Amino acid sequence: MQSIVLTLVLLGIFVFGVPVKGSWLALISGALIYLAAATAFGLLVSTLTRTQVAAVFATAVIALIPATQFSGLLVPVSSLSGAGRAIAFGVPASIRSIVELDGAGQMLEKLRNGGLRGKAVIGL
């Protein structure tokens, strides 16, 4: 997993010209935690299903559909009410969470703050 993170960071620096101003340790460790969580989710779904097709379908139902429906991409989160609004606050892909920095596990904002803006690890 470390080689994947390092490859992506180097690709961002040299191909896309994205500077890393923050802590390399925070960037790499945050990315490793995110990759470990994503891998753990995939393994959990795979152990609960019998076939690969069922695992792909279950992943789509559990992760992808809520991420697109409740992220604010199609319908603004501010216009949701009741259970839909509660679910939207828990979806990591929520545009509201990425922009407002109020989500506790938002990888994109963590990378943006730690890697690009140079904020301290405590500030993440």
Protein backbone atom coordinates (compact mmCIF):
# COMPACT_ATOMS: atom_id res chain seq x y z
CA MET A 1 0.00 0.00 0.00
CA GLN A 2 2.87 2.36 0.67
CA SER A 3 4.03 2.14 -2.93
CA ILE A 4 0.55 3.08 -4.17
CA VAL A 5 0.47 6.18 -1.97
CA LEU A 6 4.00 7.17 -2.91
CA THR A 7 3.27 6.66 -6.62
CA LEU A 8 0.16 8.83 -6.45
CA VAL A 9 1.96 11.59 -4.54
CA LEU A 10 4.88 11.58 -6.97
CA LEU A 11 2.46 11.59 -9.91
CA GLY A 12 0.73 14.64 -8.45
CA ILE A 13 4.01 16.46 -7.91
CA PHE A 14 5.81 15.75 -11.16
CA VAL A 15 3.00 15.28 -13.68
CA PHE A 16 0.40 17.75 -12.39
CA GLY A 17 2.74 20.18 -10.62
CA VAL A 18 0.95 20.09 -7.26
CA PRO A 19 3.28 21.32 -4.50
CA VAL A 20 3.33 19.60 -1.11
CA LYS A 21 3.81 22.30 1.53
CA GLY A 22 2.76 20.35 4.60
CA SER A 23 4.12 17.38 6.46
CA TRP A 24 5.00 14.36 4.34
CA LEU A 25 4.43 12.15 7.37
CA ALA A 26 0.87 13.43 7.83
CA LEU A 27 0.15 13.09 4.11
CA ILE A 28 1.43 9.53 3.83
CA SER A 29 -0.09 8.35 7.13
CA GLY A 30 -3.49 9.88 6.31
CA ALA A 31 -3.47 8.26 2.89
CA LEU A 32 -2.48 4.90 4.39
CA ILE A 33 -5.32 5.09 6.92
CA TYR A 34 -7.76 5.87 4.11
CA LEU A 35 -6.46 3.00 1.95
CA ALA A 36 -6.62 0.59 4.90
CA ALA A 37 -10.23 1.57 5.62
CA ALA A 38 -11.22 1.19 1.96
CA THR A 39 -9.52 -2.20 1.78
CA ALA A 40 -11.18 -3.31 5.02
CA PHE A 41 -14.57 -2.31 3.63
CA GLY A 42 -13.91 -4.33 0.48
CA LEU A 43 -12.83 -7.36 2.50
CA LEU A 44 -15.89 -7.10 4.74
CA VAL A 45 -18.24 -7.02 1.75
CA SER A 46 -16.35 -9.90 0.12
CA THR A 47 -16.65 -12.09 3.20
CA LEU A 48 -20.38 -11.49 3.46
CA THR A 49 -21.11 -12.44 -0.16
CA ARG A 50 -20.56 -15.69 -2.02
CA THR A 51 -19.68 -14.48 -5.51
CA GLN A 52 -17.70 -11.64 -7.03
CA VAL A 53 -20.78 -10.31 -8.81
CA ALA A 54 -22.67 -10.15 -5.53
CA ALA A 55 -19.74 -8.34 -3.90
CA VAL A 56 -19.66 -5.71 -6.65
CA PHE A 57 -23.41 -5.23 -6.42
CA ALA A 58 -23.33 -5.01 -2.62
CA THR A 59 -20.52 -2.45 -2.75
CA ALA A 60 -22.54 -0.35 -5.18
CA VAL A 61 -25.62 -0.50 -2.99
CA ILE A 62 -23.78 0.14 0.28
CA ALA A 63 -21.27 2.77 -0.84
CA LEU A 64 -21.74 4.23 -4.31
CA ILE A 65 -25.47 4.85 -4.41
CA PRO A 66 -25.62 6.69 -1.05
CA ALA A 67 -22.47 8.63 -1.97
CA THR A 68 -24.08 10.00 -5.12
CA GLN A 69 -27.61 10.42 -3.78
CA PHE A 70 -26.67 12.18 -0.53
CA SER A 71 -23.49 14.01 -1.51
CA GLY A 72 -25.16 17.20 -2.66
CA LEU A 73 -24.31 16.48 -6.29
CA LEU A 74 -27.90 16.03 -7.46
CA VAL A 75 -29.88 17.66 -4.64
CA PRO A 76 -28.37 20.22 -2.23
CA VAL A 77 -27.88 18.82 1.27
CA SER A 78 -29.47 21.96 2.73
CA SER A 79 -32.78 21.08 1.04
CA LEU A 80 -32.94 17.57 2.53
CA SER A 81 -35.02 16.89 5.63
CA GLY A 82 -35.54 14.06 8.07
CA ALA A 83 -33.73 10.79 7.51
CA GLY A 84 -32.25 11.95 4.21
CA ARG A 85 -30.50 14.86 5.91
CA ALA A 86 -29.20 12.58 8.68
CA ILE A 87 -27.80 10.15 6.12
CA ALA A 88 -26.24 13.03 4.16
CA PHE A 89 -24.30 14.14 7.24
CA GLY A 90 -22.73 10.68 7.46
CA VAL A 91 -21.73 10.31 3.81
CA PRO A 92 -18.02 11.05 3.39
CA ALA A 93 -18.48 12.15 -0.23
CA SER A 94 -20.72 14.98 0.85
CA ILE A 95 -19.78 18.23 -0.86
CA ARG A 96 -20.97 19.98 2.29
CA SER A 97 -18.36 18.15 4.34
CA ILE A 98 -15.58 18.73 1.84
CA VAL A 99 -16.23 22.46 1.59
CA GLU A 100 -17.16 23.28 5.19
CA LEU A 101 -14.57 21.10 6.95
CA ASP A 102 -17.08 19.79 9.49
CA GLY A 103 -16.74 16.09 8.74
CA ALA A 104 -14.44 13.98 10.88
CA GLY A 105 -13.13 11.62 8.20
CA GLN A 106 -13.02 13.63 5.03
CA MET A 107 -9.92 12.46 3.17
CA LEU A 108 -10.06 15.08 0.45
CA GLU A 109 -10.09 17.98 2.88
CA LYS A 110 -7.41 16.38 5.03
CA LEU A 111 -5.16 16.06 2.00
CA ARG A 112 -5.97 19.58 0.90
CA ASN A 113 -5.13 21.07 4.29
CA GLY A 114 -2.13 18.91 5.15
CA GLY A 115 -0.50 18.57 1.78
CA LEU A 116 -1.32 21.72 -0.08
CA ARG A 117 -1.88 24.39 2.55
CA GLY A 118 0.82 23.27 4.95
CA LYS A 119 -1.31 23.13 8.11
CA ALA A 120 -0.04 21.27 11.15
CA VAL A 121 -1.12 17.70 11.91
CA ILE A 122 -3.10 18.92 14.93
CA GLY A 123 -5.03 21.30 12.66
CA LEU A 124 -6.20 18.41 10.52
